[in-house]
Amino acid sequence: MANKGPRVNIILECTEARKLGKSPSRYHVTKNKKTHPERLEIKKYNPFLKKHTVHKEIK
């Protein structure tokens, strides 16, 4: 397989759903590890809570 360079696949998981005991929403995205070495945090839509929540990168 060809090397994609510094881009890696990551999983974003909802932080608020776990606190409420609901099913967390997850998104699969790619990020450039060279320009963003820290963990990613983005506001995305959670269909179980029916609102936009903070999603953090998980391992």
PDB file of N, CA and C in Angstrom:
ATOM      1  N   MET A   1       0.822  -1.181   0.000  1.00  0.00           N
ATOM      2  CA  MET A   1       0.000   0.000   0.000  1.00  0.00           C
ATOM      3  C   MET A   1       0.870   1.249   0.000  1.00  0.00           C
ATOM      4  N   ALA A   2       0.423   2.274  -0.637  1.00  0.00           N
ATOM      5  CA  ALA A   2       1.186   3.512  -0.718  1.00  0.00           C
ATOM      6  C   ALA A   2       1.121   4.274   0.602  1.00  0.00           C
ATOM      7  N   ASN A   3       2.201   4.942   0.932  1.00  0.00           N
ATOM      8  CA  ASN A   3       2.256   5.753   2.145  1.00  0.00           C
ATOM      9  C   ASN A   3       1.518   7.063   1.901  1.00  0.00           C
ATOM     10  N   LYS A   4       0.593   7.412   2.809  1.00  0.00           N
ATOM     11  CA  LYS A   4      -0.200   8.627   2.640  1.00  0.00           C
ATOM     12  C   LYS A   4       0.517   9.860   3.175  1.00  0.00           C
ATOM     13  N   GLY A   5       1.691   9.675   3.747  1.00  0.00           N
ATOM     14  CA  GLY A   5       2.410  10.810   4.306  1.00  0.00           C
ATOM     15  C   GLY A   5       2.039  11.028   5.758  1.00  0.00           C
ATOM     16  N   PRO A   6       1.957  12.279   6.197  1.00  0.00           N
ATOM     17  CA  PRO A   6       1.678  12.556   7.608  1.00  0.00           C
ATOM     18  C   PRO A   6       0.205  12.412   7.995  1.00  0.00           C
ATOM     19  N   ARG A   7      -0.683  12.129   7.040  1.00  0.00           N
ATOM     20  CA  ARG A   7      -2.109  12.000   7.350  1.00  0.00           C
ATOM     21  C   ARG A   7      -2.411  10.651   8.005  1.00  0.00           C
ATOM     22  N   VAL A   8      -3.205  10.686   9.099  1.00  0.00           N
ATOM     23  CA  VAL A   8      -3.602   9.463   9.804  1.00  0.00           C
ATOM     24  C   VAL A   8      -5.103   9.473  10.034  1.00  0.00           C
ATOM     25  N   ASN A   9      -5.699   8.278  10.118  1.00  0.00           N
ATOM     26  CA  ASN A   9      -7.117   8.149  10.427  1.00  0.00           C
ATOM     27  C   ASN A   9      -7.295   8.213  11.938  1.00  0.00           C
ATOM     28  N   ILE A  10      -8.303   8.969  12.391  1.00  0.00           N
ATOM     29  CA  ILE A  10      -8.595   9.067  13.817  1.00  0.00           C
ATOM     30  C   ILE A  10     -10.097   8.900  14.032  1.00  0.00           C
ATOM     31  N   ILE A  11     -10.491   8.666  15.286  1.00  0.00           N
ATOM     32  CA  ILE A  11     -11.895   8.534  15.652  1.00  0.00           C
ATOM     33  C   ILE A  11     -12.231   9.634  16.649  1.00  0.00           C
ATOM     34  N   LEU A  12     -13.323  10.359  16.379  1.00  0.00           N
ATOM     35  CA  LEU A  12     -13.810  11.381  17.300  1.00  0.00           C
ATOM     36  C   LEU A  12     -15.027  10.813  18.030  1.00  0.00           C
ATOM     37  N   GLU A  13     -15.060  10.973  19.364  1.00  0.00           N
ATOM     38  CA  GLU A  13     -16.170  10.457  20.162  1.00  0.00           C
ATOM     39  C   GLU A  13     -16.774  11.571  21.001  1.00  0.00           C
ATOM     40  N   CYS A  14     -18.103  11.543  21.148  1.00  0.00           N
ATOM     41  CA  CYS A  14     -18.827  12.559  21.907  1.00  0.00           C
ATOM     42  C   CYS A  14     -18.455  12.476  23.388  1.00  0.00           C
ATOM     43  N   THR A  15     -18.249  13.620  24.028  1.00  0.00           N
ATOM     44  CA  THR A  15     -17.884  13.650  25.439  1.00  0.00           C
ATOM     45  C   THR A  15     -19.108  13.751  26.346  1.00  0.00           C
ATOM     46  N   GLU A  16     -20.173  14.370  25.884  1.00  0.00           N
ATOM     47  CA  GLU A  16     -21.350  14.597  26.727  1.00  0.00           C
ATOM     48  C   GLU A  16     -22.243  13.367  26.855  1.00  0.00           C
ATOM     49  N   ALA A  17     -22.268  12.501  25.861  1.00  0.00           N
ATOM     50  CA  ALA A  17     -23.153  11.333  25.879  1.00  0.00           C
ATOM     51  C   ALA A  17     -22.752  10.346  26.970  1.00  0.00           C
ATOM     52  N   ARG A  18     -21.463  10.168  27.193  1.00  0.00           N
ATOM     53  CA  ARG A  18     -20.992   9.243  28.236  1.00  0.00           C
ATOM     54  C   ARG A  18     -21.471   9.692  29.617  1.00  0.00           C
ATOM     55  N   LYS A  19     -21.446  10.993  29.870  1.00  0.00           N
ATOM     56  CA  LYS A  19     -21.886  11.528  31.165  1.00  0.00           C
ATOM     57  C   LYS A  19     -23.364  11.262  31.414  1.00  0.00           C
ATOM     58  N   LEU A  20     -24.163  11.298  30.339  1.00  0.00           N
ATOM     59  CA  LEU A  20     -25.605  11.102  30.452  1.00  0.00           C
ATOM     60  C   LEU A  20     -26.008   9.633  30.346  1.00  0.00           C
ATOM     61  N   GLY A  21     -25.059   8.736  30.071  1.00  0.00           N
ATOM     62  CA  GLY A  21     -25.357   7.318  29.958  1.00  0.00           C
ATOM     63  C   GLY A  21     -25.994   6.925  28.642  1.00  0.00           C
ATOM     64  N   LYS A  22     -25.881   7.788  27.639  1.00  0.00           N
ATOM     65  CA  LYS A  22     -26.432   7.492  26.313  1.00  0.00           C
ATOM     66  C   LYS A  22     -25.329   6.960  25.406  1.00  0.00           C
ATOM     67  N   SER A  23     -25.731   6.478  24.261  1.00  0.00           N
ATOM     68  CA  SER A  23     -24.792   5.953  23.282  1.00  0.00           C
ATOM     69  C   SER A  23     -23.992   7.097  22.662  1.00  0.00           C
ATOM     70  N   PRO A  24     -22.642   7.034  22.673  1.00  0.00           N
ATOM     71  CA  PRO A  24     -21.847   8.120  22.094  1.00  0.00           C
ATOM     72  C   PRO A  24     -21.794   8.029  20.578  1.00  0.00           C
ATOM     73  N   SER A  25     -21.836   9.172  19.927  1.00  0.00           N
ATOM     74  CA  SER A  25     -21.682   9.182  18.474  1.00  0.00           C
ATOM     75  C   SER A  25     -20.194   9.223  18.158  1.00  0.00           C
ATOM     76  N   ARG A  26     -19.811   8.589  17.058  1.00  0.00           N
ATOM     77  CA  ARG A  26     -18.407   8.551  16.650  1.00  0.00           C
ATOM     78  C   ARG A  26     -18.292   8.940  15.193  1.00  0.00           C
ATOM     79  N   TYR A  27     -17.238   9.682  14.893  1.00  0.00           N
ATOM     80  CA  TYR A  27     -16.935  10.097  13.523  1.00  0.00           C
ATOM     81  C   TYR A  27     -15.523   9.642  13.184  1.00  0.00           C
ATOM     82  N   HIS A  28     -15.323   9.149  11.969  1.00  0.00           N
ATOM     83  CA  HIS A  28     -14.006   8.763  11.469  1.00  0.00           C
ATOM     84  C   HIS A  28     -13.533   9.861  10.530  1.00  0.00           C
ATOM     85  N   VAL A  29     -12.387  10.465  10.854  1.00  0.00           N
ATOM     86  CA  VAL A  29     -11.826  11.553  10.056  1.00  0.00           C
ATOM     87  C   VAL A  29     -10.316  11.353   9.924  1.00  0.00           C
ATOM     88  N   THR A  30      -9.693  12.163   9.075  1.00  0.00           N
ATOM     89  CA  THR A  30      -8.234  12.136   8.963  1.00  0.00           C
ATOM     90  C   THR A  30      -7.680  13.476   9.424  1.00  0.00           C
ATOM     91  N   LYS A  31      -6.457  13.439   9.918  1.00  0.00           N
ATOM     92  CA  LYS A  31      -5.789  14.684  10.302  1.00  0.00           C
ATOM     93  C   LYS A  31      -4.320  14.600   9.928  1.00  0.00           C
ATOM     94  N   ASN A  32      -3.700  15.748   9.787  1.00  0.00           N
ATOM     95  CA  ASN A  32      -2.290  15.838   9.467  1.00  0.00           C
ATOM     96  C   ASN A  32      -1.515  15.906  10.786  1.00  0.00           C
ATOM     97  N   LYS A  33      -0.761  14.841  11.107  1.00  0.00           N
ATOM     98  CA  LYS A  33      -0.026  14.790  12.372  1.00  0.00           C
ATOM     99  C   LYS A  33       1.111  15.800  12.429  1.00  0.00           C
ATOM    100  N   LYS A  34       1.588  16.233  11.275  1.00  0.00           N
ATOM    101  CA  LYS A  34       2.698  17.177  11.245  1.00  0.00           C
ATOM    102  C   LYS A  34       2.250  18.576  11.702  1.00  0.00           C
ATOM    103  N   THR A  35       1.059  18.999  11.253  1.00  0.00           N
ATOM    104  CA  THR A  35       0.591  20.341  11.588  1.00  0.00           C
ATOM    105  C   THR A  35      -0.249  20.370  12.867  1.00  0.00           C
ATOM    106  N   HIS A  36      -0.860  19.233  13.259  1.00  0.00           N
ATOM    107  CA  HIS A  36      -1.689  19.156  14.466  1.00  0.00           C
ATOM    108  C   HIS A  36      -1.292  17.943  15.302  1.00  0.00           C
ATOM    109  N   PRO A  37      -0.169  18.011  16.036  1.00  0.00           N
ATOM    110  CA  PRO A  37       0.265  16.854  16.819  1.00  0.00           C
ATOM    111  C   PRO A  37      -0.610  16.608  18.060  1.00  0.00           C
ATOM    112  N   GLU A  38      -1.315  17.635  18.531  1.00  0.00           N
ATOM    113  CA  GLU A  38      -2.158  17.470  19.728  1.00  0.00           C
ATOM    114  C   GLU A  38      -3.465  16.770  19.363  1.00  0.00           C
ATOM    115  N   ARG A  39      -4.204  16.338  20.393  1.00  0.00           N
ATOM    116  CA  ARG A  39      -5.488  15.675  20.162  1.00  0.00           C
ATOM    117  C   ARG A  39      -6.512  16.675  19.641  1.00  0.00           C
ATOM    118  N   LEU A  40      -7.333  16.205  18.712  1.00  0.00           N
ATOM    119  CA  LEU A  40      -8.307  17.047  18.037  1.00  0.00           C
ATOM    120  C   LEU A  40      -9.591  17.159  18.843  1.00  0.00           C
ATOM    121  N   GLU A  41     -10.206  18.341  18.858  1.00  0.00           N
ATOM    122  CA  GLU A  41     -11.486  18.602  19.524  1.00  0.00           C
ATOM    123  C   GLU A  41     -12.348  19.423  18.584  1.00  0.00           C
ATOM    124  N   ILE A  42     -13.496  18.878  18.172  1.00  0.00           N
ATOM    125  CA  ILE A  42     -14.372  19.551  17.217  1.00  0.00           C
ATOM    126  C   ILE A  42     -15.812  19.431  17.684  1.00  0.00           C
ATOM    127  N   LYS A  43     -16.622  20.459  17.416  1.00  0.00           N
ATOM    128  CA  LYS A  43     -18.055  20.378  17.681  1.00  0.00           C
ATOM    129  C   LYS A  43     -18.726  19.701  16.492  1.00  0.00           C
ATOM    130  N   LYS A  44     -19.397  18.571  16.758  1.00  0.00           N
ATOM    131  CA  LYS A  44     -20.094  17.817  15.722  1.00  0.00           C
ATOM    132  C   LYS A  44     -21.497  17.488  16.225  1.00  0.00           C
ATOM    133  N   TYR A  45     -22.361  17.041  15.326  1.00  0.00           N
ATOM    134  CA  TYR A  45     -23.740  16.717  15.667  1.00  0.00           C
ATOM    135  C   TYR A  45     -23.838  15.313  16.267  1.00  0.00           C
ATOM    136  N   ASN A  46     -24.546  15.189  17.392  1.00  0.00           N
ATOM    137  CA  ASN A  46     -24.818  13.902  18.006  1.00  0.00           C
ATOM    138  C   ASN A  46     -26.292  13.575  17.795  1.00  0.00           C
ATOM    139  N   PRO A  47     -26.618  12.580  16.956  1.00  0.00           N
ATOM    140  CA  PRO A  47     -28.025  12.275  16.672  1.00  0.00           C
ATOM    141  C   PRO A  47     -28.785  11.693  17.859  1.00  0.00           C
ATOM    142  N   PHE A  48     -28.087  11.087  18.828  1.00  0.00           N
ATOM    143  CA  PHE A  48     -28.754  10.524  19.992  1.00  0.00           C
ATOM    144  C   PHE A  48     -29.224  11.612  20.951  1.00  0.00           C
ATOM    145  N   LEU A  49     -28.440  12.696  21.063  1.00  0.00           N
ATOM    146  CA  LEU A  49     -28.820  13.831  21.910  1.00  0.00           C
ATOM    147  C   LEU A  49     -29.552  14.909  21.121  1.00  0.00           C
ATOM    148  N   LYS A  50     -29.514  14.808  19.798  1.00  0.00           N
ATOM    149  CA  LYS A  50     -30.154  15.755  18.882  1.00  0.00           C
ATOM    150  C   LYS A  50     -29.654  17.182  19.064  1.00  0.00           C
ATOM    151  N   LYS A  51     -28.324  17.318  19.219  1.00  0.00           N
ATOM    152  CA  LYS A  51     -27.700  18.639  19.306  1.00  0.00           C
ATOM    153  C   LYS A  51     -26.211  18.517  19.000  1.00  0.00           C
ATOM    154  N   HIS A  52     -25.564  19.654  18.813  1.00  0.00           N
ATOM    155  CA  HIS A  52     -24.130  19.690  18.558  1.00  0.00           C
ATOM    156  C   HIS A  52     -23.392  19.614  19.892  1.00  0.00           C
ATOM    157  N   THR A  53     -22.391  18.740  19.956  1.00  0.00           N
ATOM    158  CA  THR A  53     -21.607  18.546  21.179  1.00  0.00           C
ATOM    159  C   THR A  53     -20.127  18.497  20.830  1.00  0.00           C
ATOM    160  N   VAL A  54     -19.282  18.573  21.842  1.00  0.00           N
ATOM    161  CA  VAL A  54     -17.835  18.497  21.641  1.00  0.00           C
ATOM    162  C   VAL A  54     -17.443  17.035  21.460  1.00  0.00           C
ATOM    163  N   HIS A  55     -16.691  16.763  20.399  1.00  0.00           N
ATOM    164  CA  HIS A  55     -16.169  15.433  20.120  1.00  0.00           C
ATOM    165  C   HIS A  55     -14.654  15.486  20.234  1.00  0.00           C
ATOM    166  N   LYS A  56     -14.063  14.546  20.996  1.00  0.00           N
ATOM    167  CA  LYS A  56     -12.618  14.500  21.185  1.00  0.00           C
ATOM    168  C   LYS A  56     -12.035  13.262  20.533  1.00  0.00           C
ATOM    169  N   GLU A  57     -10.779  13.379  20.166  1.00  0.00           N
ATOM    170  CA  GLU A  57     -10.066  12.270  19.542  1.00  0.00           C
ATOM    171  C   GLU A  57      -9.807  11.186  20.587  1.00  0.00           C
ATOM    172  N   ILE A  58     -10.097   9.928  20.203  1.00  0.00           N
ATOM    173  CA  ILE A  58      -9.792   8.807  21.084  1.00  0.00           C
ATOM    174  C   ILE A  58      -8.704   7.965  20.438  1.00  0.00           C
ATOM    175  N   LYS A  59      -8.083   7.091  21.200  1.00  0.00           N
ATOM    176  CA  LYS A  59      -6.982   6.282  20.700  1.00  0.00           C
ATOM    177  C   LYS A  59      -7.433   5.283  19.677  1.00  0.00           C
TER     178      LYS A  59
END
